[in-house]
Amino acid sequence: MRASADGSEAQVARTLIDLDVLVRLGRFFAGKFRAAVDYAVFEATGDRGAIESVVSRYEEAREAYSSILDVVDGVYQDDLKFGSEYSEHGHWAMRIQDIDDDLRAVRLERDRAAAGIPQEATQVAHRESRLPIPSGVRHEVPPAYVRGEPLRIALDVPDASGIEGVTLRYRHVDQSETFREVPMTRAAGSYEATIGAAYLNSPYPLMYFFELSPRADAPLFYPGFVDTLSNQPYIVINSTRWNVTERVQKG
């Protein structure tokens, strides 16, 4: 895109700069997510290779983030304001110190692990590819939920699928919350669970996904990601009140 675009046009130049920043931010967060997964493995197993991978991935993420400073130098002000809250102003450079503090902490943990854990620490099996969702597994998404009333969620799972259990994980579309989980009950050709009325007495939409437990294998997630990792790996539904009144008000 950059090679074919006319960078002499002001709007094109601004767009290219912003896209460049977004690419680098994407690499930063991708590195952080991968580091977080490795850290969870380290916490669960004490595997030294996992904490070493945390540091390596986080260093790569830090490099991607810090490279943004060169891209925006002389382009943006040192303090961009788009609101009155602390999180609504600032500059990329202001976050570097926090990133470095995180890196210092995980490096220290890596060094402690190296001094205290023998080389033959617990080995971790890594899957190179994802297993497909078994044929016949499907879910009919409810069109909406009624505030203050329980919601039944069902996942069709054929008996021959090899799935031995399903867990429903859900929360409001509110990033301050963590996911709740409930084991689903086996019924005729499906697994079922109910989200309580009190929990659904909320103005927030509901998001959820399913964790499937195959026989003698690692869990699978439904709907999960497609091969291109370009879809939404969970389901979101709104209340009937939002569908009828709140949407009109926002419109």
Protein backbone atom coordinates (compact mmCIF):
# COMPACT_ATOMS: atom_id res chain seq x y z
CA MET A 1 0.00 0.00 0.00
CA ARG A 2 2.77 2.43 0.92
CA ALA A 3 4.56 1.71 -2.37
CA SER A 4 1.48 2.53 -4.47
CA ALA A 5 0.13 5.47 -2.42
CA ASP A 6 0.96 9.09 -3.17
CA GLY A 7 2.69 10.15 0.04
CA SER A 8 2.78 13.77 -1.08
CA GLU A 9 -0.96 14.09 -0.37
CA ALA A 10 -1.43 15.21 3.24
CA GLN A 11 -4.40 12.93 3.94
CA VAL A 12 -2.63 9.93 2.42
CA ALA A 13 0.52 10.67 4.42
CA ARG A 14 -1.45 10.88 7.68
CA THR A 15 -3.26 7.64 6.89
CA LEU A 16 -0.02 5.81 6.14
CA ILE A 17 1.51 7.00 9.41
CA ASP A 18 -1.52 5.88 11.41
CA LEU A 19 -1.56 2.49 9.70
CA ASP A 20 2.13 2.07 10.45
CA VAL A 21 1.44 2.80 14.12
CA LEU A 22 -1.43 0.29 14.17
CA VAL A 23 0.77 -2.43 12.70
CA ARG A 24 3.40 -1.88 15.39
CA LEU A 25 0.75 -1.78 18.13
CA GLY A 26 -0.60 -5.06 16.81
CA ARG A 27 2.84 -6.65 17.04
CA PHE A 28 3.23 -5.27 20.56
CA PHE A 29 -0.04 -6.72 21.85
CA ALA A 30 0.52 -10.01 20.02
CA GLY A 31 3.85 -10.34 21.81
CA LYS A 32 2.27 -9.49 25.17
CA PHE A 33 -0.49 -12.06 24.69
CA ARG A 34 2.02 -14.77 23.81
CA ALA A 35 4.17 -13.80 26.77
CA ALA A 36 1.11 -14.03 29.03
CA VAL A 37 0.37 -17.55 27.81
CA ASP A 38 3.96 -18.60 28.48
CA TYR A 39 3.79 -17.03 31.92
CA ALA A 40 0.65 -19.03 32.73
CA VAL A 41 2.52 -22.19 31.69
CA PHE A 42 5.43 -21.22 33.93
CA GLU A 43 3.14 -20.59 36.89
CA ALA A 44 1.44 -23.95 36.41
CA THR A 45 4.53 -26.08 35.79
CA GLY A 46 7.67 -24.24 36.85
CA ASP A 47 9.10 -24.89 33.39
CA ARG A 48 12.22 -22.76 32.97
CA GLY A 49 11.85 -22.64 29.20
CA ALA A 50 8.46 -21.00 29.60
CA ILE A 51 9.76 -18.07 31.68
CA GLU A 52 12.66 -17.64 29.27
CA SER A 53 10.12 -17.44 26.46
CA VAL A 54 8.17 -14.82 28.43
CA VAL A 55 11.20 -12.55 28.51
CA SER A 56 12.04 -13.14 24.84
CA ARG A 57 8.50 -12.46 23.63
CA TYR A 58 8.11 -9.41 25.85
CA GLU A 59 11.42 -7.99 24.61
CA GLU A 60 10.19 -8.36 21.04
CA ALA A 61 6.92 -6.66 22.02
CA ARG A 62 8.82 -3.82 23.65
CA GLU A 63 10.90 -3.33 20.53
CA ALA A 64 7.76 -3.13 18.38
CA TYR A 65 6.21 -0.56 20.72
CA SER A 66 9.28 1.62 21.05
CA SER A 67 9.63 1.77 17.27
CA ILE A 68 6.40 3.78 17.20
CA LEU A 69 8.27 6.74 18.65
CA ASP A 70 10.33 7.13 15.48
CA VAL A 71 7.20 6.94 13.32
CA VAL A 72 5.34 9.70 15.20
CA ASP A 73 8.32 11.95 15.92
CA GLY A 74 7.50 15.42 14.63
CA VAL A 75 4.02 14.31 13.61
CA TYR A 76 1.99 14.27 16.83
CA GLN A 77 2.06 16.51 19.87
CA ASP A 78 3.75 15.30 23.03
CA ASP A 79 0.42 15.11 24.89
CA LEU A 80 -2.61 14.16 22.80
CA LYS A 81 -5.88 15.01 24.54
CA PHE A 82 -9.29 13.59 23.65
CA GLY A 83 -10.91 13.63 27.09
CA SER A 84 -10.50 14.64 30.73
CA GLU A 85 -9.55 11.24 32.18
CA TYR A 86 -5.96 10.10 32.69
CA SER A 87 -6.43 7.37 30.10
CA GLU A 88 -7.74 9.90 27.57
CA HIS A 89 -4.53 11.78 26.94
CA GLY A 90 -0.83 11.16 26.66
CA HIS A 91 1.77 9.93 24.24
CA TRP A 92 3.27 6.58 23.33
CA ALA A 93 6.53 7.57 25.03
CA MET A 94 4.74 7.86 28.38
CA ARG A 95 4.09 4.09 28.42
CA ILE A 96 7.68 2.99 27.87
CA GLN A 97 8.60 3.18 31.55
CA ASP A 98 5.70 0.91 32.54
CA ILE A 99 6.74 -1.61 29.90
CA ASP A 100 10.33 -1.52 31.13
CA ASP A 101 9.15 -2.06 34.71
CA ASP A 102 7.23 -5.15 33.58
CA LEU A 103 10.25 -6.43 31.69
CA ARG A 104 12.48 -5.90 34.71
CA ALA A 105 10.08 -7.93 36.84
CA VAL A 106 9.90 -10.92 34.49
CA ARG A 107 13.67 -10.88 33.95
CA LEU A 108 14.12 -11.04 37.71
CA GLU A 109 11.70 -13.95 37.89
CA ARG A 110 13.58 -15.69 35.08
CA ASP A 111 16.87 -15.26 36.93
CA ARG A 112 15.38 -16.62 40.14
CA ALA A 113 13.99 -19.62 38.27
CA ALA A 114 17.37 -20.27 36.67
CA ALA A 115 19.00 -20.29 40.09
CA GLY A 116 16.41 -22.47 41.79
CA ILE A 117 14.91 -24.86 39.26
CA PRO A 118 16.91 -27.79 37.84
CA GLN A 119 17.21 -28.20 34.09
CA GLU A 120 14.95 -31.26 34.16
CA ALA A 121 11.93 -29.15 35.18
CA THR A 122 8.46 -30.29 34.18
CA GLN A 123 8.20 -30.68 30.44
CA VAL A 124 5.29 -29.03 28.65
CA ALA A 125 3.62 -30.47 25.57
CA HIS A 126 3.00 -27.88 22.87
CA ARG A 127 0.43 -28.49 20.18
CA GLU A 128 1.54 -27.31 16.74
CA SER A 129 -1.97 -27.30 15.26
CA ARG A 130 -5.55 -27.08 16.48
CA LEU A 131 -7.94 -30.00 16.39
CA PRO A 132 -11.14 -29.31 14.46
CA ILE A 133 -14.48 -29.04 16.20
CA PRO A 134 -16.21 -32.46 15.84
CA SER A 135 -18.83 -32.74 13.12
CA GLY A 136 -22.36 -32.05 14.25
CA VAL A 137 -21.48 -29.66 17.07
CA ARG A 138 -23.64 -26.59 16.63
CA HIS A 139 -25.26 -23.82 18.64
CA GLU A 140 -28.40 -21.84 17.92
CA VAL A 141 -27.75 -18.33 19.19
CA PRO A 142 -30.67 -16.84 21.13
CA PRO A 143 -31.91 -13.66 19.41
CA ALA A 144 -31.82 -11.80 22.75
CA TYR A 145 -32.22 -12.26 26.48
CA VAL A 146 -34.84 -10.75 28.78
CA ARG A 147 -33.43 -8.70 31.61
CA GLY A 148 -34.10 -10.22 34.99
CA GLU A 149 -35.07 -13.62 33.55
CA PRO A 150 -32.95 -16.80 33.33
CA LEU A 151 -31.47 -17.77 29.96
CA ARG A 152 -31.09 -21.38 28.83
CA ILE A 153 -28.03 -22.03 26.66
CA ALA A 154 -27.70 -25.28 24.71
CA LEU A 155 -24.94 -26.77 22.55
CA ASP A 156 -25.79 -29.67 20.26
CA VAL A 157 -23.15 -32.39 20.66
CA PRO A 158 -23.71 -35.78 18.96
CA ASP A 159 -23.08 -38.86 21.09
CA ALA A 160 -20.39 -40.05 18.64
CA SER A 161 -18.41 -36.80 18.86
CA GLY A 162 -16.01 -38.02 21.55
CA ILE A 163 -16.81 -35.02 23.75
CA GLU A 164 -17.03 -35.99 27.41
CA GLY A 165 -18.02 -32.64 28.89
CA VAL A 166 -18.75 -29.00 28.09
CA THR A 167 -18.24 -25.88 30.20
CA LEU A 168 -20.05 -22.61 29.52
CA ARG A 169 -17.91 -19.52 30.11
CA TYR A 170 -19.65 -16.16 30.16
CA ARG A 171 -19.53 -12.58 31.38
CA HIS A 172 -21.02 -9.20 30.63
CA VAL A 173 -19.37 -7.15 27.88
CA ASP A 174 -17.54 -5.27 30.62
CA GLN A 175 -13.76 -5.55 30.69
CA SER A 176 -13.66 -5.06 34.45
CA GLU A 177 -15.23 -8.51 34.87
CA THR A 178 -13.71 -11.97 34.64
CA PHE A 179 -15.42 -14.91 32.98
CA ARG A 180 -17.73 -17.08 35.05
CA GLU A 181 -17.98 -20.77 34.30
CA VAL A 182 -20.59 -23.46 34.79
CA PRO A 183 -20.42 -27.16 33.84
CA MET A 184 -23.16 -27.95 31.36
CA THR A 185 -25.55 -30.87 31.88
CA ARG A 186 -25.85 -33.63 29.33
CA ALA A 187 -29.31 -33.88 27.78
CA ALA A 188 -30.63 -35.70 24.72
CA GLY A 189 -28.06 -34.89 22.05
CA SER A 190 -26.91 -31.68 23.69
CA TYR A 191 -25.37 -29.98 26.71
CA GLU A 192 -27.39 -27.38 28.58
CA ALA A 193 -26.83 -24.69 31.21
CA THR A 194 -28.82 -21.77 32.58
CA ILE A 195 -27.54 -18.28 33.35
CA GLY A 196 -29.39 -16.94 36.38
CA ALA A 197 -31.96 -14.16 36.32
CA ALA A 198 -30.05 -11.94 38.77
CA TYR A 199 -26.93 -11.98 36.58
CA LEU A 200 -28.94 -10.98 33.52
CA ASN A 201 -30.53 -8.01 35.24
CA SER A 202 -27.84 -5.82 33.70
CA PRO A 203 -27.58 -3.11 31.03
CA TYR A 204 -24.55 -4.83 29.51
CA PRO A 205 -24.73 -7.30 26.62
CA LEU A 206 -23.82 -10.92 27.36
CA MET A 207 -20.81 -12.67 25.85
CA TYR A 208 -20.04 -16.38 26.08
CA PHE A 209 -18.23 -19.34 24.56
CA PHE A 210 -17.98 -23.09 25.17
CA GLU A 211 -15.05 -25.20 26.34
CA LEU A 212 -15.35 -28.76 25.04
CA SER A 213 -13.46 -31.62 26.68
CA PRO A 214 -12.64 -34.37 24.17
CA ARG A 215 -11.80 -37.84 25.39
CA ALA A 216 -8.05 -38.02 26.21
CA ASP A 217 -7.16 -34.73 24.54
CA ALA A 218 -6.76 -31.00 25.21
CA PRO A 219 -9.86 -28.76 25.42
CA LEU A 220 -11.46 -27.22 22.35
CA PHE A 221 -13.26 -23.88 22.21
CA TYR A 222 -16.47 -23.11 20.37
CA PRO A 223 -16.97 -21.04 18.29
CA GLY A 224 -13.20 -20.47 18.51
CA PHE A 225 -11.04 -19.01 15.78
CA VAL A 226 -11.14 -19.93 12.12
CA ASP A 227 -7.85 -20.77 10.41
CA THR A 228 -7.21 -17.13 9.50
CA LEU A 229 -7.78 -15.97 13.13
CA SER A 230 -9.96 -13.21 11.68
CA ASN A 231 -13.29 -13.91 13.37
CA GLN A 232 -14.85 -13.20 16.77
CA PRO A 233 -14.22 -16.32 18.92
CA TYR A 234 -17.20 -15.76 21.21
CA ILE A 235 -20.90 -14.96 20.99
CA VAL A 236 -22.54 -11.66 22.02
CA ILE A 237 -26.27 -11.12 22.55
CA ASN A 238 -28.17 -8.06 23.73
CA SER A 239 -31.24 -7.77 25.88
CA THR A 240 -34.69 -7.41 24.34
CA ARG A 241 -34.84 -3.96 25.89
CA TRP A 242 -31.74 -2.89 23.97
CA ASN A 243 -33.12 -4.34 20.75
CA VAL A 244 -36.39 -2.46 21.08
CA THR A 245 -35.75 0.78 22.95
CA GLU A 246 -32.06 1.45 23.54
CA ARG A 247 -31.16 0.97 19.89
CA VAL A 248 -33.84 3.52 18.93
CA GLN A 249 -32.51 5.97 21.49
CA LYS A 250 -28.96 5.57 20.20
CA GLY A 251 -30.13 5.90 16.63
